Amino acid sequence: MSNDPYTAKAASNASPAEKIKELRDEVIKSSKFAMLTTRSKDGTLHSRAMSPASDKGLVFVFIANNESGKFDDLEHDENVNISFSDASSTNWASVSGKAKTMTDPESIKPFWNPALKAWFGDLGGEKNGTYTDPRVSAIPRLSARIVQEVRPSEINYWVSTRTSIGQVLDVAKSALTGETAAPGHLRTIYGSDLEIAKTSEQK
C-alpha cells in the first residue's frame, strides 16, 4: 500500500474490461513506440525503443535481431518492462512481465512485415532479411528474428482527465493551497484481469 498522497488521490476504480479498453484507446494506440527494458548479467538496465508487432490479448510481441545484446540480457533474466508514453496527453503505461523468445519461422510469419527487412539487411544466403532469416526472432513472452513475446504480470497506467492547460492550472493551484494535484486517473491491471482481454479477442 503506497503512502504517496498523489497515488492515493489519483487512484481510480474501474472494471477490468473498462481498464483494458482505456489502456488500449488512450495509451497504446496513441504511443508511437514502446521502450523495452532488460537487465544485463551485471545488473545494468538497458532500454530501447521498439514497436510491438502485436498486442493481441495484451501479450506484446516484438520482432528483433537475436544477434543483438538484448538477447544476452534475456538469457540471463526473463523479467522485462515495457513502457508507453504519449507526450501530447501525458498518458503513460508501465508493463511488467516475462519474456520468451521464438525462433521458428512459421511462428514468426504471422507477425512479419516486409518493412522489417530494413532492420536486418540482406547479407546473402540464409541471412536474407526475411522471416526465415536465422537472425530473426520474436519476443512474445520474448523471441528473435526471433519473436519476442512479453506476457504481463501487471500493468500500471495513467490517463489525463484535464487538458494540458488544465493540468498546469491544477498543479499551480495545488502548489498554492497545499492540496495534492491529481489531473488524471492512475490504474492497475492485474494478471487475473488479463484473461478478459484474451477472451474478448477470441470472440
Protein backbone atom coordinates (compact mmCIF):
# COMPACT_ATOMS: atom_id res chain seq x y z
CA MET A 1 0.00 0.00 0.00
CA SER A 2 1.51 3.33 -1.03
CA ASN A 3 1.68 6.28 1.38
CA ASP A 4 2.20 8.66 -1.53
CA PRO A 5 -0.67 11.23 -1.40
CA TYR A 6 -0.62 11.68 -5.18
CA THR A 7 -1.00 7.94 -5.78
CA ALA A 8 -3.85 7.77 -3.28
CA LYS A 9 -5.71 10.68 -4.87
CA ALA A 10 -5.14 9.62 -8.48
CA ALA A 11 -6.18 6.00 -7.88
CA SER A 12 -9.49 5.28 -9.56
CA ASN A 13 -11.74 2.25 -9.65
CA ALA A 14 -12.98 0.77 -12.91
CA SER A 15 -13.92 -2.71 -14.09
CA PRO A 16 -11.18 -4.86 -15.69
CA ALA A 17 -12.89 -4.53 -19.09
CA GLU A 18 -13.07 -0.73 -18.74
CA LYS A 19 -9.40 -0.51 -17.77
CA ILE A 20 -8.28 -2.71 -20.67
CA LYS A 21 -10.27 -0.63 -23.18
CA GLU A 22 -8.97 2.62 -21.70
CA LEU A 23 -5.37 1.37 -21.80
CA ARG A 24 -5.69 0.45 -25.48
CA ASP A 25 -7.61 3.54 -26.61
CA GLU A 26 -5.91 6.22 -24.53
CA VAL A 27 -2.33 4.99 -24.23
CA ILE A 28 -1.18 2.19 -26.54
CA LYS A 29 -2.87 3.39 -29.74
CA SER A 30 -1.59 6.95 -29.31
CA SER A 31 2.00 5.97 -28.48
CA LYS A 32 4.35 5.82 -31.47
CA PHE A 33 6.57 3.18 -29.90
CA ALA A 34 7.36 1.37 -26.66
CA MET A 35 10.51 1.26 -24.56
CA LEU A 36 11.61 -2.30 -23.80
CA THR A 37 13.86 -2.57 -20.73
CA THR A 38 16.01 -5.61 -19.94
CA ARG A 39 18.60 -6.36 -17.25
CA SER A 40 22.13 -7.44 -18.13
CA LYS A 41 24.22 -10.00 -16.25
CA ASP A 42 25.96 -7.25 -14.26
CA GLY A 43 22.60 -5.80 -13.20
CA THR A 44 22.66 -2.82 -15.56
CA LEU A 45 19.31 -1.87 -17.08
CA HIS A 46 19.12 -1.35 -20.85
CA SER A 47 16.19 0.26 -22.68
CA ARG A 48 15.49 0.60 -26.38
CA ALA A 49 12.59 1.89 -28.49
CA MET A 50 10.62 -0.84 -30.26
CA SER A 51 7.23 -1.11 -31.94
CA PRO A 52 5.09 -4.12 -30.98
CA ALA A 53 4.25 -6.39 -33.91
CA SER A 54 1.16 -7.42 -31.95
CA ASP A 55 -0.56 -6.59 -28.68
CA LYS A 56 -3.43 -9.06 -29.04
CA GLY A 57 -4.74 -10.13 -25.67
CA LEU A 58 -2.26 -7.65 -24.17
CA VAL A 59 0.54 -10.09 -24.93
CA PHE A 60 3.20 -7.93 -26.60
CA VAL A 61 5.21 -9.37 -29.48
CA PHE A 62 8.40 -7.76 -30.82
CA ILE A 63 10.50 -8.78 -33.82
CA ALA A 64 14.22 -8.37 -33.17
CA ASN A 65 17.69 -9.47 -34.24
CA ASN A 66 18.82 -12.33 -31.99
CA GLU A 67 22.42 -11.30 -32.53
CA SER A 68 21.76 -8.09 -30.58
CA GLY A 69 22.62 -7.54 -26.92
CA LYS A 70 19.03 -7.66 -25.72
CA PHE A 71 19.03 -11.42 -26.19
CA ASP A 72 22.08 -11.79 -23.97
CA ASP A 73 20.11 -9.89 -21.33
CA LEU A 74 17.05 -12.11 -21.77
CA GLU A 75 19.10 -15.26 -21.49
CA HIS A 76 20.24 -14.00 -18.09
CA ASP A 77 16.91 -12.57 -16.87
CA GLU A 78 13.50 -13.03 -18.49
CA ASN A 79 11.90 -10.24 -16.44
CA VAL A 80 11.29 -7.13 -18.54
CA ASN A 81 9.41 -3.85 -18.55
CA ILE A 82 7.62 -2.24 -21.47
CA SER A 83 6.65 1.42 -21.19
CA PHE A 84 4.41 3.56 -23.38
CA SER A 85 4.09 7.35 -23.31
CA ASP A 86 2.02 9.86 -25.26
CA ALA A 87 3.64 13.29 -24.99
CA SER A 88 0.56 15.14 -26.27
CA SER A 89 -1.69 13.91 -23.46
CA THR A 90 0.96 12.85 -20.87
CA ASN A 91 -0.78 9.46 -20.69
CA TRP A 92 1.59 6.57 -19.92
CA ALA A 93 1.70 2.86 -19.13
CA SER A 94 4.23 0.55 -17.50
CA VAL A 95 4.00 -3.18 -18.27
CA SER A 96 5.84 -5.72 -16.10
CA GLY A 97 6.18 -9.26 -17.38
CA LYS A 98 8.34 -12.14 -18.50
CA ALA A 99 9.80 -12.51 -21.98
CA LYS A 100 10.08 -15.59 -24.13
CA THR A 101 11.91 -15.96 -27.43
CA MET A 102 10.60 -17.67 -30.56
CA THR A 103 12.86 -18.59 -33.46
CA ASP A 104 10.62 -20.85 -35.54
CA PRO A 105 9.95 -19.11 -38.91
CA GLU A 106 6.36 -20.36 -39.01
CA SER A 107 5.72 -18.86 -35.56
CA ILE A 108 7.27 -15.58 -36.67
CA LYS A 109 5.48 -15.39 -40.04
CA PRO A 110 2.09 -14.14 -38.69
CA PHE A 111 3.84 -11.13 -37.14
CA TRP A 112 6.20 -10.38 -40.03
CA ASN A 113 6.04 -7.16 -42.03
CA PRO A 114 8.26 -6.82 -45.16
CA ALA A 115 9.33 -3.35 -43.96
CA LEU A 116 11.18 -5.05 -41.09
CA LYS A 117 13.81 -6.18 -43.61
CA ALA A 118 15.33 -2.70 -43.32
CA TRP A 119 16.50 -3.53 -39.79
CA PHE A 120 18.22 -6.76 -40.80
CA GLY A 121 19.59 -6.11 -44.27
CA ASP A 122 20.16 -8.77 -46.94
CA LEU A 123 23.58 -10.27 -46.19
CA GLY A 124 23.16 -13.03 -48.74
CA GLY A 125 22.45 -16.71 -48.29
CA GLU A 126 20.07 -17.58 -45.49
CA LYS A 127 20.64 -14.16 -43.89
CA ASN A 128 18.32 -12.59 -46.44
CA GLY A 129 16.35 -10.23 -44.20
CA THR A 130 13.07 -12.17 -44.41
CA TYR A 131 11.16 -14.00 -41.68
CA THR A 132 13.16 -17.19 -42.43
CA ASP A 133 16.46 -15.41 -41.66
CA PRO A 134 18.07 -17.19 -38.66
CA ARG A 135 18.79 -13.80 -37.09
CA VAL A 136 15.09 -13.01 -36.80
CA SER A 137 13.40 -13.74 -33.52
CA ALA A 138 10.22 -12.81 -31.77
CA ILE A 139 9.83 -11.68 -28.22
CA PRO A 140 6.27 -12.54 -27.24
CA ARG A 141 6.99 -13.82 -23.89
CA LEU A 142 10.18 -12.70 -25.94
CA SER A 143 11.71 -14.23 -29.10
CA ALA A 144 14.19 -13.21 -32.03
CA ARG A 145 14.43 -12.96 -35.56
CA ILE A 146 13.22 -14.19 -33.25
CA VAL A 147 9.99 -13.18 -31.99
CA GLN A 148 9.94 -11.83 -28.54
CA GLU A 149 6.74 -12.08 -26.56
CA VAL A 150 6.04 -10.46 -23.23
CA ARG A 151 3.22 -11.76 -21.06
CA PRO A 152 2.36 -9.10 -18.48
CA SER A 153 2.01 -9.87 -14.79
CA GLU A 154 0.85 -6.32 -14.02
CA ILE A 155 0.18 -3.12 -15.96
CA ASN A 156 0.09 0.33 -14.35
CA TYR A 157 -1.15 3.25 -16.41
CA TRP A 158 -2.17 6.87 -16.04
CA VAL A 159 -4.63 8.83 -18.19
CA SER A 160 -5.21 12.55 -18.03
CA THR A 161 -8.62 13.96 -17.13
CA ARG A 162 -7.56 17.53 -17.96
CA THR A 163 -6.34 19.42 -20.98
CA SER A 164 -2.68 20.48 -20.98
CA ILE A 165 -3.67 23.91 -19.68
CA GLY A 166 -5.96 22.31 -17.11
CA GLN A 167 -3.08 20.18 -15.83
CA VAL A 168 -0.86 23.24 -15.39
CA LEU A 169 -3.62 25.10 -13.53
CA ASP A 170 -4.35 22.09 -11.32
CA VAL A 171 -0.69 21.74 -10.33
CA ALA A 172 -0.33 25.51 -9.77
CA LYS A 173 -3.46 25.60 -7.59
CA SER A 174 -2.27 22.64 -5.54
CA ALA A 175 1.13 24.25 -5.03
CA LEU A 176 -0.58 27.34 -3.58
CA THR A 177 -3.21 25.57 -1.46
CA GLY A 178 -1.17 22.60 -0.26
CA GLU A 179 -3.64 20.15 -1.78
CA THR A 180 -2.39 17.17 -3.78
CA ALA A 181 -2.63 17.54 -7.56
CA ALA A 182 -4.25 14.67 -9.45
CA PRO A 183 -5.10 15.74 -13.01
CA GLY A 184 -5.74 12.16 -14.09
CA HIS A 185 -6.52 8.56 -13.13
CA LEU A 186 -3.85 6.08 -12.02
CA ARG A 187 -4.95 2.47 -12.54
CA THR A 188 -3.62 -1.08 -12.35
CA ILE A 189 -4.50 -4.09 -14.50
CA TYR A 190 -3.59 -7.31 -12.71
CA GLY A 191 -2.65 -10.66 -14.21
CA SER A 192 -6.07 -12.08 -13.38
CA ASP A 193 -7.71 -9.25 -15.35
CA LEU A 194 -5.74 -10.06 -18.49
CA GLU A 195 -7.79 -13.18 -19.16
CA ILE A 196 -10.63 -10.81 -20.03
CA ALA A 197 -8.52 -9.24 -22.80
CA LYS A 198 -7.59 -12.67 -24.12
CA THR A 199 -11.16 -13.96 -24.02
CA SER A 200 -12.69 -10.86 -25.61
CA GLU A 201 -10.35 -11.08 -28.62
CA GLN A 202 -11.17 -14.73 -29.20
CA LYS A 203 -14.86 -13.97 -29.74
